[in-house]
Amino acid sequence: LSLNLPLGKTVAAMDLLVPGVGELIGGSQREERLPMLLSKMEESGLDPEDYWWYVDLRRYGSVPHSGYGLGFERLPCYVTG
């Protein structure tokens, strides 16, 4: 997740919460800044060598990008009550 700067107290993310089901959709911006990514990996105890392919995606150029996920089984629950 990408930290919102300058304070770094929040991340660029969202959740769509609906009554009776909870989170229906969740989305976030991926971290495209290599130094920030490596710092977070170190902070979390992850070895960047284990994620070499992901780190290389950022090393050789990336743009800010986001994604979301829909809990499909939750949609019928919400629609049908």
N, C-alpha and C. Protein backbone atom coordinates (compact mmCIF):
# COMPACT_ATOMS: atom_id res chain seq x y z
N LEU A 1 0.83 -1.18 0.00
CA LEU A 1 0.00 0.00 0.00
C LEU A 1 0.88 1.24 0.00
N SER A 2 0.41 2.23 -0.70
CA SER A 2 1.18 3.46 -0.82
C SER A 2 0.84 4.42 0.33
N LEU A 3 1.86 4.84 1.06
CA LEU A 3 1.66 5.80 2.14
C LEU A 3 1.33 7.18 1.59
N ASN A 4 0.38 7.85 2.23
CA ASN A 4 0.09 9.23 1.89
C ASN A 4 1.13 10.11 2.57
N LEU A 5 1.86 10.88 1.79
CA LEU A 5 2.88 11.76 2.34
C LEU A 5 2.31 13.15 2.50
N PRO A 6 2.82 14.03 3.31
CA PRO A 6 4.11 13.96 3.98
C PRO A 6 4.06 13.27 5.34
N LEU A 7 2.91 13.11 5.97
CA LEU A 7 2.88 12.56 7.32
C LEU A 7 3.03 11.05 7.37
N GLY A 8 2.54 10.34 6.37
CA GLY A 8 2.67 8.89 6.35
C GLY A 8 1.82 8.17 7.38
N LYS A 9 0.74 8.82 7.84
CA LYS A 9 -0.12 8.20 8.84
C LYS A 9 -1.27 7.41 8.22
N THR A 10 -1.52 7.62 6.94
CA THR A 10 -2.60 6.91 6.25
C THR A 10 -2.07 6.33 4.95
N VAL A 11 -2.84 5.45 4.36
CA VAL A 11 -2.48 4.86 3.08
C VAL A 11 -3.56 5.19 2.05
N ALA A 12 -3.20 5.08 0.78
CA ALA A 12 -4.13 5.35 -0.30
C ALA A 12 -4.97 4.09 -0.52
N ALA A 13 -6.06 3.96 0.22
CA ALA A 13 -6.89 2.77 0.15
C ALA A 13 -8.34 3.14 0.46
N MET A 14 -9.24 2.23 0.09
CA MET A 14 -10.66 2.45 0.37
C MET A 14 -11.35 1.11 0.54
N ASP A 15 -12.45 1.14 1.27
CA ASP A 15 -13.33 -0.03 1.42
C ASP A 15 -14.76 0.45 1.23
N LEU A 16 -15.56 -0.33 0.52
CA LEU A 16 -16.99 -0.08 0.41
C LEU A 16 -17.67 -1.01 1.39
N LEU A 17 -18.22 -0.43 2.45
CA LEU A 17 -18.88 -1.21 3.49
C LEU A 17 -20.39 -1.10 3.30
N VAL A 18 -21.08 -2.24 3.41
CA VAL A 18 -22.54 -2.26 3.26
C VAL A 18 -23.15 -2.95 4.48
N PRO A 19 -24.38 -2.54 4.83
CA PRO A 19 -25.03 -3.11 6.01
C PRO A 19 -25.27 -4.62 5.87
N GLY A 20 -25.04 -5.34 6.95
CA GLY A 20 -25.33 -6.76 6.99
C GLY A 20 -24.28 -7.65 6.35
N VAL A 21 -23.37 -7.10 5.57
CA VAL A 21 -22.35 -7.90 4.90
C VAL A 21 -20.96 -7.48 5.33
N GLY A 22 -20.74 -6.19 5.45
CA GLY A 22 -19.41 -5.68 5.77
C GLY A 22 -18.73 -5.16 4.53
N GLU A 23 -17.47 -5.52 4.36
CA GLU A 23 -16.70 -5.03 3.21
C GLU A 23 -17.15 -5.74 1.94
N LEU A 24 -17.62 -4.97 0.97
CA LEU A 24 -18.04 -5.51 -0.32
C LEU A 24 -16.92 -5.37 -1.35
N ILE A 25 -16.27 -4.22 -1.35
CA ILE A 25 -15.17 -3.94 -2.28
C ILE A 25 -14.03 -3.29 -1.50
N GLY A 26 -12.81 -3.68 -1.80
CA GLY A 26 -11.63 -3.05 -1.20
C GLY A 26 -10.65 -2.69 -2.30
N GLY A 27 -10.04 -1.53 -2.18
CA GLY A 27 -9.09 -1.10 -3.20
C GLY A 27 -7.93 -0.35 -2.58
N SER A 28 -6.81 -0.31 -3.31
CA SER A 28 -5.66 0.42 -2.81
C SER A 28 -4.71 0.77 -3.94
N GLN A 29 -3.86 1.76 -3.65
CA GLN A 29 -2.80 2.12 -4.59
C GLN A 29 -1.56 1.33 -4.21
N ARG A 30 -0.91 0.75 -5.20
CA ARG A 30 0.31 -0.02 -4.97
C ARG A 30 1.49 0.93 -4.76
N GLU A 31 2.48 0.45 -4.04
CA GLU A 31 3.67 1.27 -3.78
C GLU A 31 4.59 1.21 -5.00
N GLU A 32 4.76 2.34 -5.69
CA GLU A 32 5.63 2.36 -6.88
C GLU A 32 7.01 2.93 -6.59
N ARG A 33 7.22 3.48 -5.40
CA ARG A 33 8.51 4.08 -5.04
C ARG A 33 9.41 3.02 -4.44
N LEU A 34 10.47 2.68 -5.18
CA LEU A 34 11.36 1.59 -4.76
C LEU A 34 11.93 1.79 -3.36
N PRO A 35 12.47 2.96 -3.01
CA PRO A 35 13.02 3.11 -1.65
C PRO A 35 11.97 2.87 -0.56
N MET A 36 10.75 3.32 -0.79
CA MET A 36 9.68 3.12 0.19
C MET A 36 9.33 1.63 0.29
N LEU A 37 9.29 0.96 -0.86
CA LEU A 37 8.98 -0.46 -0.88
C LEU A 37 10.03 -1.28 -0.13
N LEU A 38 11.30 -1.00 -0.40
CA LEU A 38 12.38 -1.72 0.28
C LEU A 38 12.36 -1.45 1.79
N SER A 39 12.08 -0.22 2.16
CA SER A 39 12.00 0.14 3.58
C SER A 39 10.89 -0.64 4.28
N LYS A 40 9.73 -0.72 3.64
CA LYS A 40 8.60 -1.45 4.22
C LYS A 40 8.88 -2.95 4.29
N MET A 41 9.58 -3.47 3.29
CA MET A 41 9.93 -4.90 3.31
C MET A 41 10.86 -5.19 4.48
N GLU A 42 11.84 -4.33 4.68
CA GLU A 42 12.78 -4.50 5.79
C GLU A 42 12.04 -4.40 7.12
N GLU A 43 11.16 -3.42 7.22
CA GLU A 43 10.38 -3.19 8.44
C GLU A 43 9.50 -4.41 8.77
N SER A 44 9.03 -5.09 7.73
CA SER A 44 8.15 -6.25 7.91
C SER A 44 8.91 -7.57 8.01
N GLY A 45 10.24 -7.50 7.93
CA GLY A 45 11.05 -8.71 8.03
C GLY A 45 11.04 -9.57 6.77
N LEU A 46 10.75 -8.96 5.62
CA LEU A 46 10.74 -9.68 4.35
C LEU A 46 12.08 -9.51 3.65
N ASP A 47 12.56 -10.57 3.04
CA ASP A 47 13.81 -10.53 2.29
C ASP A 47 13.52 -10.13 0.85
N PRO A 48 14.03 -8.97 0.40
CA PRO A 48 13.79 -8.53 -0.97
C PRO A 48 14.22 -9.55 -2.02
N GLU A 49 15.20 -10.40 -1.71
CA GLU A 49 15.64 -11.43 -2.66
C GLU A 49 14.52 -12.43 -2.95
N ASP A 50 13.66 -12.65 -1.97
CA ASP A 50 12.53 -13.56 -2.18
C ASP A 50 11.49 -12.96 -3.12
N TYR A 51 11.52 -11.65 -3.27
CA TYR A 51 10.56 -10.93 -4.10
C TYR A 51 11.27 -10.18 -5.22
N TRP A 52 12.37 -10.76 -5.71
CA TRP A 52 13.21 -10.09 -6.71
C TRP A 52 12.41 -9.63 -7.91
N TRP A 53 11.48 -10.43 -8.38
CA TRP A 53 10.70 -10.10 -9.58
C TRP A 53 9.81 -8.87 -9.32
N TYR A 54 9.27 -8.77 -8.11
CA TYR A 54 8.41 -7.64 -7.77
C TYR A 54 9.24 -6.36 -7.61
N VAL A 55 10.40 -6.50 -6.97
CA VAL A 55 11.31 -5.37 -6.78
C VAL A 55 11.81 -4.88 -8.14
N ASP A 56 12.12 -5.80 -9.05
CA ASP A 56 12.59 -5.40 -10.39
C ASP A 56 11.53 -4.62 -11.15
N LEU A 57 10.27 -4.94 -10.94
CA LEU A 57 9.20 -4.17 -11.60
C LEU A 57 9.28 -2.70 -11.21
N ARG A 58 9.65 -2.45 -9.96
CA ARG A 58 9.76 -1.06 -9.49
C ARG A 58 11.12 -0.46 -9.88
N ARG A 59 12.15 -1.26 -9.87
CA ARG A 59 13.50 -0.79 -10.18
C ARG A 59 13.59 -0.27 -11.61
N TYR A 60 12.96 -0.97 -12.53
CA TYR A 60 13.09 -0.62 -13.94
C TYR A 60 11.93 0.23 -14.46
N GLY A 61 11.22 0.81 -13.55
CA GLY A 61 10.20 1.77 -13.94
C GLY A 61 8.78 1.31 -13.66
N SER A 62 8.06 2.16 -13.01
CA SER A 62 6.67 1.88 -12.69
C SER A 62 5.94 3.22 -12.60
N VAL A 63 4.67 3.15 -12.69
CA VAL A 63 3.84 4.35 -12.56
C VAL A 63 2.87 4.12 -11.42
N PRO A 64 2.34 5.19 -10.84
CA PRO A 64 1.32 5.00 -9.82
C PRO A 64 0.14 4.21 -10.41
N HIS A 65 -0.26 3.15 -9.73
CA HIS A 65 -1.38 2.35 -10.21
C HIS A 65 -2.13 1.76 -9.02
N SER A 66 -3.38 1.46 -9.25
CA SER A 66 -4.25 0.97 -8.19
C SER A 66 -5.03 -0.24 -8.66
N GLY A 67 -5.70 -0.86 -7.73
CA GLY A 67 -6.56 -1.99 -8.06
C GLY A 67 -7.60 -2.17 -6.98
N TYR A 68 -8.57 -3.03 -7.28
CA TYR A 68 -9.61 -3.31 -6.30
C TYR A 68 -10.03 -4.77 -6.40
N GLY A 69 -10.72 -5.23 -5.39
CA GLY A 69 -11.23 -6.59 -5.39
C GLY A 69 -12.66 -6.58 -4.88
N LEU A 70 -13.50 -7.36 -5.53
CA LEU A 70 -14.89 -7.49 -5.15
C LEU A 70 -15.09 -8.89 -4.59
N GLY A 71 -15.58 -8.98 -3.37
CA GLY A 71 -15.92 -10.28 -2.79
C GLY A 71 -17.22 -10.75 -3.42
N PHE A 72 -17.11 -11.48 -4.55
CA PHE A 72 -18.31 -11.80 -5.32
C PHE A 72 -19.38 -12.51 -4.50
N GLU A 73 -18.98 -13.41 -3.61
CA GLU A 73 -19.98 -14.12 -2.81
C GLU A 73 -20.74 -13.15 -1.90
N ARG A 74 -20.16 -12.01 -1.62
CA ARG A 74 -20.82 -11.02 -0.75
C ARG A 74 -21.86 -10.21 -1.51
N LEU A 75 -21.66 -10.04 -2.82
CA LEU A 75 -22.61 -9.27 -3.62
C LEU A 75 -24.00 -9.91 -3.62
N PRO A 76 -24.13 -11.20 -3.92
CA PRO A 76 -25.48 -11.80 -3.85
C PRO A 76 -26.08 -11.73 -2.44
N CYS A 77 -25.24 -11.87 -1.43
CA CYS A 77 -25.73 -11.75 -0.04
C CYS A 77 -26.34 -10.38 0.19
N TYR A 78 -25.68 -9.36 -0.30
CA TYR A 78 -26.18 -7.99 -0.10
C TYR A 78 -27.43 -7.74 -0.95
N VAL A 79 -27.41 -8.16 -2.20
CA VAL A 79 -28.53 -7.91 -3.12
C VAL A 79 -29.79 -8.66 -2.67
N THR A 80 -29.62 -9.90 -2.20
CA THR A 80 -30.78 -10.71 -1.82
C THR A 80 -31.20 -10.54 -0.37
N GLY A 81 -30.38 -9.82 0.39
CA GLY A 81 -30.73 -9.57 1.78
C GLY A 81 -30.33 -10.70 2.65
